[in-house]
Amino acid sequence: MAVSLKRLVDVPKIITDLKSFNFSIYGRWFGYINIILCLALGIANLFHFSLVILFAVIAILQGFVLLFTELPFLLKICPLSENFVGLIKRWESNGSRSLFYIVMAVIQWVSLAVRVTSLIVVAIGLTISAIFYGTGYLKKQEFKETNYLRDPSRDPNFPREAAVRDMV
């Protein structure tokens, strides 16, 4: 049985997210963008003949870590080590998520010392997410997940793990 993408995405809640003024939600939205940026620009920068290749590989790894960080339901459907899952679950607050993004952004900012490449976009994106999560922490806002993607553990109508695996 095929599961449509429309069952995973709840479009009317996008507007609710944008009107929430909760900075952890904005950080998560930029986190989704950062997944794409890290993977795409990491791959694009693999073709340099300098130390930029190292930062490109790091960007790709960051993209995969962000995938599991920002889409926590993947932790339940992908076979992963308990250490990795435990590490990802440590970043479930605005403060810790902000520090996580700061460290990742600093790594990509350092890449500019080798050569200025499109990885600057990755550094800027990670910095924006860090700022959003940091603002949520300073404003003492509750760490919230977006309503845009449904969480299978909280939504009884969400397709079960096997159906998601079939879709992927």
N, C-alpha and C. Protein backbone atom coordinates (compact mmCIF):
# COMPACT_ATOMS: atom_id res chain seq x y z
N MET A 1 0.86 -1.18 0.00
CA MET A 1 0.00 0.00 0.00
C MET A 1 0.89 1.23 0.00
N ALA A 2 0.72 2.08 -0.97
CA ALA A 2 1.53 3.30 -1.09
C ALA A 2 0.95 4.40 -0.21
N VAL A 3 1.84 5.15 0.41
CA VAL A 3 1.43 6.26 1.26
C VAL A 3 1.79 7.54 0.54
N SER A 4 0.82 8.44 0.41
CA SER A 4 1.10 9.68 -0.29
C SER A 4 1.78 10.67 0.65
N LEU A 5 2.51 11.58 0.05
CA LEU A 5 3.21 12.61 0.81
C LEU A 5 2.21 13.52 1.53
N LYS A 6 1.02 13.66 0.99
CA LYS A 6 0.00 14.51 1.62
C LYS A 6 -0.41 13.99 3.00
N ARG A 7 -0.27 12.69 3.22
CA ARG A 7 -0.60 12.13 4.54
C ARG A 7 0.46 12.50 5.56
N LEU A 8 1.69 12.78 5.09
CA LEU A 8 2.77 13.14 6.00
C LEU A 8 2.82 14.63 6.29
N VAL A 9 2.30 15.43 5.36
CA VAL A 9 2.39 16.89 5.48
C VAL A 9 1.01 17.46 5.79
N ASP A 10 0.94 18.30 6.80
CA ASP A 10 -0.30 18.93 7.19
C ASP A 10 -0.21 20.42 6.84
N VAL A 11 -0.60 20.77 5.62
CA VAL A 11 -0.40 22.11 5.08
C VAL A 11 -1.05 23.21 5.91
N PRO A 12 -2.28 23.08 6.39
CA PRO A 12 -2.87 24.19 7.16
C PRO A 12 -2.06 24.55 8.41
N LYS A 13 -1.31 23.61 8.93
CA LYS A 13 -0.53 23.90 10.13
C LYS A 13 0.74 24.70 9.82
N ILE A 14 1.10 24.82 8.55
CA ILE A 14 2.25 25.66 8.19
C ILE A 14 1.98 27.09 8.63
N ILE A 15 0.80 27.57 8.37
CA ILE A 15 0.44 28.94 8.74
C ILE A 15 0.46 29.10 10.26
N THR A 16 -0.02 28.10 10.98
CA THR A 16 0.02 28.12 12.43
C THR A 16 1.46 28.24 12.92
N ASP A 17 2.37 27.50 12.30
CA ASP A 17 3.79 27.58 12.65
C ASP A 17 4.33 28.98 12.45
N LEU A 18 4.02 29.57 11.31
CA LEU A 18 4.57 30.89 11.00
C LEU A 18 4.02 31.97 11.92
N LYS A 19 2.83 31.78 12.42
CA LYS A 19 2.22 32.77 13.32
C LYS A 19 2.54 32.53 14.79
N SER A 20 3.25 31.48 15.10
CA SER A 20 3.47 31.09 16.50
C SER A 20 4.44 31.99 17.24
N PHE A 21 5.37 32.63 16.54
CA PHE A 21 6.42 33.44 17.15
C PHE A 21 7.25 32.64 18.14
N ASN A 22 7.29 31.33 17.94
CA ASN A 22 8.16 30.47 18.74
C ASN A 22 9.43 30.24 17.93
N PHE A 23 10.56 30.68 18.49
CA PHE A 23 11.80 30.66 17.73
C PHE A 23 12.36 29.25 17.53
N SER A 24 11.97 28.29 18.36
CA SER A 24 12.44 26.93 18.12
C SER A 24 11.81 26.36 16.85
N ILE A 25 10.60 26.76 16.54
CA ILE A 25 9.97 26.32 15.30
C ILE A 25 10.68 26.95 14.10
N TYR A 26 11.03 28.24 14.22
CA TYR A 26 11.76 28.89 13.13
C TYR A 26 13.14 28.25 12.94
N GLY A 27 13.78 27.90 14.05
CA GLY A 27 15.07 27.22 13.97
C GLY A 27 14.94 25.89 13.27
N ARG A 28 13.86 25.18 13.55
CA ARG A 28 13.63 23.89 12.92
C ARG A 28 13.39 24.05 11.42
N TRP A 29 12.64 25.08 11.04
CA TRP A 29 12.42 25.32 9.61
C TRP A 29 13.74 25.57 8.91
N PHE A 30 14.61 26.39 9.52
CA PHE A 30 15.92 26.61 8.92
C PHE A 30 16.76 25.34 8.98
N GLY A 31 16.51 24.49 9.97
CA GLY A 31 17.19 23.20 10.03
C GLY A 31 16.86 22.35 8.82
N TYR A 32 15.59 22.38 8.38
CA TYR A 32 15.21 21.63 7.18
C TYR A 32 15.98 22.16 5.97
N ILE A 33 16.07 23.48 5.88
CA ILE A 33 16.82 24.10 4.78
C ILE A 33 18.30 23.71 4.88
N ASN A 34 18.82 23.68 6.11
CA ASN A 34 20.23 23.34 6.31
C ASN A 34 20.54 21.91 5.88
N ILE A 35 19.61 21.01 6.04
CA ILE A 35 19.82 19.62 5.58
C ILE A 35 20.12 19.64 4.09
N ILE A 36 19.30 20.33 3.34
CA ILE A 36 19.47 20.40 1.89
C ILE A 36 20.78 21.11 1.53
N LEU A 37 21.05 22.24 2.21
CA LEU A 37 22.27 22.99 1.93
C LEU A 37 23.53 22.17 2.22
N CYS A 38 23.54 21.52 3.37
CA CYS A 38 24.72 20.72 3.74
C CYS A 38 24.98 19.61 2.74
N LEU A 39 23.95 18.90 2.38
CA LEU A 39 24.13 17.78 1.45
C LEU A 39 24.49 18.27 0.04
N ALA A 40 23.74 19.23 -0.47
CA ALA A 40 23.98 19.70 -1.84
C ALA A 40 25.32 20.41 -1.99
N LEU A 41 25.59 21.35 -1.10
CA LEU A 41 26.84 22.11 -1.23
C LEU A 41 28.05 21.29 -0.79
N GLY A 42 27.84 20.35 0.11
CA GLY A 42 28.92 19.45 0.47
C GLY A 42 29.35 18.62 -0.73
N ILE A 43 28.37 18.07 -1.43
CA ILE A 43 28.68 17.29 -2.64
C ILE A 43 29.31 18.18 -3.71
N ALA A 44 28.78 19.38 -3.88
CA ALA A 44 29.32 20.29 -4.90
C ALA A 44 30.78 20.66 -4.63
N ASN A 45 31.16 20.74 -3.37
CA ASN A 45 32.52 21.13 -3.02
C ASN A 45 33.49 19.97 -2.93
N LEU A 46 33.04 18.77 -3.21
CA LEU A 46 33.94 17.62 -3.23
C LEU A 46 34.93 17.67 -4.40
N PHE A 47 34.67 18.54 -5.35
CA PHE A 47 35.47 18.56 -6.57
C PHE A 47 36.60 19.58 -6.54
N HIS A 48 36.89 20.14 -5.39
CA HIS A 48 38.04 21.04 -5.24
C HIS A 48 39.29 20.21 -4.98
N PHE A 49 40.41 20.76 -5.32
CA PHE A 49 41.68 20.08 -5.08
C PHE A 49 42.44 20.81 -3.98
N SER A 50 41.81 20.89 -2.80
CA SER A 50 42.44 21.52 -1.64
C SER A 50 41.78 20.95 -0.38
N LEU A 51 42.10 21.53 0.75
CA LEU A 51 41.50 21.08 2.01
C LEU A 51 40.00 21.33 2.08
N VAL A 52 39.47 22.03 1.11
CA VAL A 52 38.02 22.27 1.08
C VAL A 52 37.28 20.94 1.02
N ILE A 53 37.90 19.93 0.43
CA ILE A 53 37.28 18.60 0.35
C ILE A 53 36.94 18.09 1.76
N LEU A 54 37.84 18.33 2.71
CA LEU A 54 37.60 17.91 4.09
C LEU A 54 36.35 18.58 4.66
N PHE A 55 36.21 19.88 4.42
CA PHE A 55 35.04 20.60 4.92
C PHE A 55 33.77 20.20 4.16
N ALA A 56 33.92 19.81 2.89
CA ALA A 56 32.78 19.32 2.12
C ALA A 56 32.27 18.01 2.71
N VAL A 57 33.19 17.12 3.05
CA VAL A 57 32.81 15.84 3.67
C VAL A 57 32.14 16.10 5.01
N ILE A 58 32.70 17.03 5.78
CA ILE A 58 32.09 17.38 7.07
C ILE A 58 30.69 17.94 6.86
N ALA A 59 30.50 18.77 5.84
CA ALA A 59 29.17 19.32 5.55
C ALA A 59 28.18 18.21 5.23
N ILE A 60 28.62 17.21 4.47
CA ILE A 60 27.74 16.08 4.14
C ILE A 60 27.37 15.33 5.41
N LEU A 61 28.35 15.08 6.26
CA LEU A 61 28.07 14.40 7.54
C LEU A 61 27.14 15.24 8.40
N GLN A 62 27.35 16.55 8.41
CA GLN A 62 26.45 17.43 9.17
C GLN A 62 25.03 17.34 8.63
N GLY A 63 24.89 17.24 7.32
CA GLY A 63 23.56 17.11 6.72
C GLY A 63 22.85 15.86 7.19
N PHE A 64 23.59 14.75 7.28
CA PHE A 64 22.96 13.51 7.76
C PHE A 64 22.63 13.59 9.25
N VAL A 65 23.49 14.20 10.04
CA VAL A 65 23.20 14.36 11.47
C VAL A 65 21.98 15.26 11.64
N LEU A 66 21.90 16.33 10.85
CA LEU A 66 20.74 17.22 10.92
C LEU A 66 19.46 16.51 10.50
N LEU A 67 19.57 15.61 9.55
CA LEU A 67 18.41 14.85 9.10
C LEU A 67 17.77 14.13 10.28
N PHE A 68 18.60 13.48 11.09
CA PHE A 68 18.08 12.75 12.25
C PHE A 68 17.72 13.69 13.41
N THR A 69 18.39 14.83 13.47
CA THR A 69 18.10 15.78 14.54
C THR A 69 16.77 16.48 14.31
N GLU A 70 16.55 16.94 13.10
CA GLU A 70 15.35 17.72 12.79
C GLU A 70 14.14 16.86 12.42
N LEU A 71 14.37 15.62 12.05
CA LEU A 71 13.28 14.69 11.73
C LEU A 71 13.38 13.49 12.66
N PRO A 72 13.01 13.68 13.94
CA PRO A 72 13.26 12.63 14.93
C PRO A 72 12.52 11.33 14.67
N PHE A 73 11.47 11.33 13.86
CA PHE A 73 10.79 10.06 13.60
C PHE A 73 11.69 9.11 12.82
N LEU A 74 12.73 9.64 12.15
CA LEU A 74 13.67 8.77 11.45
C LEU A 74 14.49 7.92 12.42
N LEU A 75 14.64 8.39 13.65
CA LEU A 75 15.36 7.61 14.66
C LEU A 75 14.63 6.31 14.96
N LYS A 76 13.32 6.30 14.74
CA LYS A 76 12.52 5.12 15.06
C LYS A 76 12.45 4.13 13.91
N ILE A 77 12.65 4.60 12.68
CA ILE A 77 12.48 3.70 11.55
C ILE A 77 13.79 3.29 10.90
N CYS A 78 14.90 3.92 11.30
CA CYS A 78 16.21 3.55 10.76
C CYS A 78 17.00 2.80 11.83
N PRO A 79 17.66 1.73 11.43
CA PRO A 79 18.48 1.00 12.41
C PRO A 79 19.75 1.81 12.73
N LEU A 80 19.82 2.30 13.96
CA LEU A 80 20.94 3.13 14.40
C LEU A 80 21.44 2.63 15.75
N SER A 81 22.67 2.98 16.07
CA SER A 81 23.22 2.57 17.36
C SER A 81 22.55 3.38 18.49
N GLU A 82 22.50 2.78 19.65
CA GLU A 82 21.91 3.46 20.82
C GLU A 82 22.72 4.70 21.18
N ASN A 83 24.04 4.66 20.97
CA ASN A 83 24.87 5.83 21.27
C ASN A 83 24.49 7.01 20.40
N PHE A 84 24.26 6.77 19.10
CA PHE A 84 23.88 7.84 18.18
C PHE A 84 22.51 8.40 18.55
N VAL A 85 21.56 7.52 18.81
CA VAL A 85 20.21 7.96 19.19
C VAL A 85 20.26 8.77 20.48
N GLY A 86 21.05 8.31 21.45
CA GLY A 86 21.20 9.04 22.71
C GLY A 86 21.82 10.40 22.50
N LEU A 87 22.79 10.49 21.60
CA LEU A 87 23.43 11.76 21.30
C LEU A 87 22.44 12.74 20.68
N ILE A 88 21.66 12.28 19.74
CA ILE A 88 20.67 13.13 19.07
C ILE A 88 19.62 13.61 20.07
N LYS A 89 19.20 12.74 20.98
CA LYS A 89 18.16 13.10 21.95
C LYS A 89 18.64 14.11 22.99
N ARG A 90 19.96 14.29 23.09
CA ARG A 90 20.50 15.28 24.02
C ARG A 90 20.23 16.70 23.56
N TRP A 91 19.90 16.88 22.29
CA TRP A 91 19.69 18.20 21.73
C TRP A 91 18.22 18.55 21.64
N GLU A 92 17.44 18.20 22.66
CA GLU A 92 16.01 18.46 22.62
C GLU A 92 15.62 19.63 23.51
N SER A 93 16.43 20.68 23.47
CA SER A 93 16.08 21.94 24.13
C SER A 93 16.65 23.07 23.30
N ASN A 94 16.12 24.25 23.48
CA ASN A 94 16.59 25.39 22.70
C ASN A 94 18.06 25.68 22.96
N GLY A 95 18.49 25.62 24.21
CA GLY A 95 19.88 25.93 24.56
C GLY A 95 20.85 24.93 23.96
N SER A 96 20.59 23.65 24.14
CA SER A 96 21.51 22.64 23.62
C SER A 96 21.50 22.62 22.09
N ARG A 97 20.34 22.84 21.49
CA ARG A 97 20.26 22.86 20.03
C ARG A 97 21.01 24.07 19.48
N SER A 98 20.94 25.21 20.19
CA SER A 98 21.68 26.39 19.77
C SER A 98 23.19 26.14 19.81
N LEU A 99 23.67 25.53 20.89
CA LEU A 99 25.10 25.21 20.99
C LEU A 99 25.52 24.23 19.89
N PHE A 100 24.70 23.26 19.63
CA PHE A 100 24.96 22.28 18.57
C PHE A 100 25.14 22.99 17.22
N TYR A 101 24.23 23.90 16.90
CA TYR A 101 24.32 24.63 15.64
C TYR A 101 25.52 25.59 15.62
N ILE A 102 25.84 26.19 16.75
CA ILE A 102 27.01 27.07 16.81
C ILE A 102 28.28 26.30 16.47
N VAL A 103 28.44 25.13 17.06
CA VAL A 103 29.64 24.32 16.80
C VAL A 103 29.71 23.95 15.32
N MET A 104 28.59 23.54 14.76
CA MET A 104 28.59 23.17 13.34
C MET A 104 28.86 24.38 12.45
N ALA A 105 28.31 25.53 12.81
CA ALA A 105 28.54 26.74 12.02
C ALA A 105 30.01 27.16 12.08
N VAL A 106 30.62 27.10 13.26
CA VAL A 106 32.03 27.48 13.41
C VAL A 106 32.90 26.61 12.51
N ILE A 107 32.61 25.33 12.45
CA ILE A 107 33.39 24.44 11.58
C ILE A 107 33.33 24.92 10.13
N GLN A 108 32.15 25.30 9.69
CA GLN A 108 32.03 25.75 8.30
C GLN A 108 32.60 27.15 8.10
N TRP A 109 32.55 28.00 9.12
CA TRP A 109 33.19 29.31 9.00
C TRP A 109 34.70 29.14 8.89
N VAL A 110 35.26 28.16 9.56
CA VAL A 110 36.71 27.90 9.49
C VAL A 110 37.10 27.48 8.07
N SER A 111 36.18 26.86 7.35
CA SER A 111 36.49 26.45 5.98
C SER A 111 36.86 27.65 5.11
N LEU A 112 36.39 28.82 5.47
CA LEU A 112 36.70 30.02 4.69
C LEU A 112 38.18 30.40 4.79
N ALA A 113 38.85 29.93 5.83
CA ALA A 113 40.28 30.21 5.96
C ALA A 113 41.06 29.46 4.89
N VAL A 114 40.55 28.33 4.45
CA VAL A 114 41.21 27.56 3.41
C VAL A 114 40.93 28.19 2.04
N ARG A 115 39.65 28.40 1.78
CA ARG A 115 39.23 28.98 0.51
C ARG A 115 37.76 29.36 0.63
N VAL A 116 37.41 30.52 0.09
CA VAL A 116 36.01 30.94 0.11
C VAL A 116 35.27 30.18 -0.99
N THR A 117 34.31 29.38 -0.57
CA THR A 117 33.51 28.58 -1.50
C THR A 117 32.04 28.74 -1.14
N SER A 118 31.20 27.97 -1.78
CA SER A 118 29.77 28.01 -1.49
C SER A 118 29.45 27.45 -0.10
N LEU A 119 30.43 26.89 0.59
CA LEU A 119 30.20 26.44 1.97
C LEU A 119 29.89 27.60 2.90
N ILE A 120 30.14 28.82 2.45
CA ILE A 120 29.75 29.99 3.23
C ILE A 120 28.23 30.02 3.42
N VAL A 121 27.50 29.53 2.43
CA VAL A 121 26.03 29.48 2.54
C VAL A 121 25.63 28.50 3.64
N VAL A 122 26.34 27.40 3.74
CA VAL A 122 26.09 26.43 4.82
C VAL A 122 26.37 27.08 6.16
N ALA A 123 27.49 27.80 6.27
CA ALA A 123 27.85 28.47 7.51
C ALA A 123 26.79 29.49 7.91
N ILE A 124 26.30 30.25 6.95
CA ILE A 124 25.26 31.25 7.23
C ILE A 124 23.97 30.58 7.67
N GLY A 125 23.56 29.51 6.98
CA GLY A 125 22.33 28.80 7.34
C GLY A 125 22.40 28.22 8.74
N LEU A 126 23.53 27.59 9.08
CA LEU A 126 23.70 27.02 10.42
C LEU A 126 23.70 28.12 11.48
N THR A 127 24.28 29.26 11.14
CA THR A 127 24.30 30.39 12.08
C THR A 127 22.89 30.93 12.32
N ILE A 128 22.10 31.00 11.27
CA ILE A 128 20.71 31.47 11.41
C ILE A 128 19.93 30.54 12.33
N SER A 129 20.08 29.24 12.14
CA SER A 129 19.40 28.28 13.02
C SER A 129 19.86 28.46 14.47
N ALA A 130 21.17 28.63 14.66
CA ALA A 130 21.70 28.84 16.02
C ALA A 130 21.10 30.09 16.65
N ILE A 131 20.96 31.14 15.86
CA ILE A 131 20.37 32.39 16.37
C ILE A 131 18.92 32.17 16.77
N PHE A 132 18.17 31.47 15.93
CA PHE A 132 16.76 31.23 16.27
C PHE A 132 16.63 30.40 17.55
N TYR A 133 17.37 29.31 17.63
CA TYR A 133 17.29 28.48 18.84
C TYR A 133 17.81 29.25 20.05
N GLY A 134 18.86 30.04 19.88
CA GLY A 134 19.39 30.84 20.97
C GLY A 134 18.40 31.89 21.44
N THR A 135 17.69 32.51 20.51
CA THR A 135 16.66 33.49 20.86
C THR A 135 15.54 32.82 21.64
N GLY A 136 15.13 31.63 21.20
CA GLY A 136 14.11 30.88 21.95
C GLY A 136 14.57 30.57 23.36
N TYR A 137 15.85 30.23 23.51
CA TYR A 137 16.40 29.94 24.83
C TYR A 137 16.40 31.20 25.71
N LEU A 138 16.86 32.32 25.15
CA LEU A 138 16.93 33.56 25.92
C LEU A 138 15.55 34.08 26.30
N LYS A 139 14.57 33.84 25.43
CA LYS A 139 13.20 34.26 25.73
C LYS A 139 12.47 33.24 26.60
N LYS A 140 13.17 32.15 26.96
CA LYS A 140 12.61 31.09 27.78
C LYS A 140 11.35 30.48 27.15
N GLN A 141 11.39 30.33 25.83
CA GLN A 141 10.27 29.72 25.13
C GLN A 141 10.36 28.21 25.22
N GLU A 142 9.22 27.59 25.17
CA GLU A 142 9.15 26.13 25.17
C GLU A 142 9.74 25.60 23.86
N PHE A 143 10.52 24.52 23.98
CA PHE A 143 11.06 23.87 22.79
C PHE A 143 9.93 23.11 22.13
N LYS A 144 9.57 23.52 20.92
CA LYS A 144 8.44 22.92 20.23
C LYS A 144 8.89 22.36 18.90
N GLU A 145 8.15 21.37 18.47
CA GLU A 145 8.37 20.83 17.14
C GLU A 145 7.36 21.46 16.21
N THR A 146 7.71 21.50 14.95
CA THR A 146 6.82 22.09 13.96
C THR A 146 5.57 21.23 13.77
N ASN A 147 4.50 21.86 13.36
CA ASN A 147 3.28 21.15 13.02
C ASN A 147 3.26 20.72 11.56
N TYR A 148 4.29 21.13 10.83
CA TYR A 148 4.36 20.87 9.40
C TYR A 148 4.49 19.39 9.09
N LEU A 149 5.35 18.70 9.80
CA LEU A 149 5.48 17.26 9.65
C LEU A 149 4.89 16.57 10.87
N ARG A 150 4.14 15.56 10.65
CA ARG A 150 3.51 14.86 11.76
C ARG A 150 4.50 13.92 12.42
N ASP A 151 4.40 13.81 13.73
CA ASP A 151 5.27 12.92 14.49
C ASP A 151 4.49 11.63 14.74
N PRO A 152 5.02 10.50 14.29
CA PRO A 152 4.26 9.26 14.41
C PRO A 152 3.96 8.85 15.84
N SER A 153 4.79 9.26 16.78
CA SER A 153 4.54 8.85 18.16
C SER A 153 3.40 9.63 18.79
N ARG A 154 3.04 10.74 18.19
CA ARG A 154 1.97 11.58 18.77
C ARG A 154 0.71 11.62 17.92
N ASP A 155 0.75 11.06 16.73
CA ASP A 155 -0.39 11.14 15.82
C ASP A 155 -0.90 9.73 15.53
N PRO A 156 -2.10 9.39 16.04
CA PRO A 156 -2.62 8.04 15.82
C PRO A 156 -2.97 7.77 14.36
N ASN A 157 -3.17 8.81 13.54
CA ASN A 157 -3.50 8.64 12.13
C ASN A 157 -2.27 8.57 11.24
N PHE A 158 -1.10 8.71 11.85
CA PHE A 158 0.14 8.67 11.08
C PHE A 158 0.39 7.25 10.61
N PRO A 159 0.83 7.09 9.35
CA PRO A 159 1.12 5.73 8.88
C PRO A 159 2.20 5.08 9.74
N ARG A 160 2.04 3.83 10.04
CA ARG A 160 3.01 3.12 10.88
C ARG A 160 4.35 2.98 10.18
N GLU A 161 5.34 2.57 10.93
CA GLU A 161 6.72 2.51 10.47
C GLU A 161 6.86 1.72 9.17
N ALA A 162 6.19 0.60 9.05
CA ALA A 162 6.31 -0.23 7.86
C ALA A 162 5.80 0.52 6.63
N ALA A 163 4.74 1.27 6.79
CA ALA A 163 4.19 2.05 5.67
C ALA A 163 5.15 3.15 5.26
N VAL A 164 5.80 3.77 6.21
CA VAL A 164 6.78 4.82 5.90
C VAL A 164 7.98 4.20 5.19
N ARG A 165 8.43 3.04 5.64
CA ARG A 165 9.54 2.36 4.96
C ARG A 165 9.19 2.03 3.52
N ASP A 166 7.94 1.58 3.28
CA ASP A 166 7.51 1.26 1.93
C ASP A 166 7.50 2.51 1.05
N MET A 167 7.12 3.64 1.64
CA MET A 167 7.07 4.88 0.88
C MET A 167 8.47 5.32 0.50
N VAL A 168 9.42 5.19 1.46
CA VAL A 168 10.79 5.63 1.21
C VAL A 168 11.45 4.64 0.30
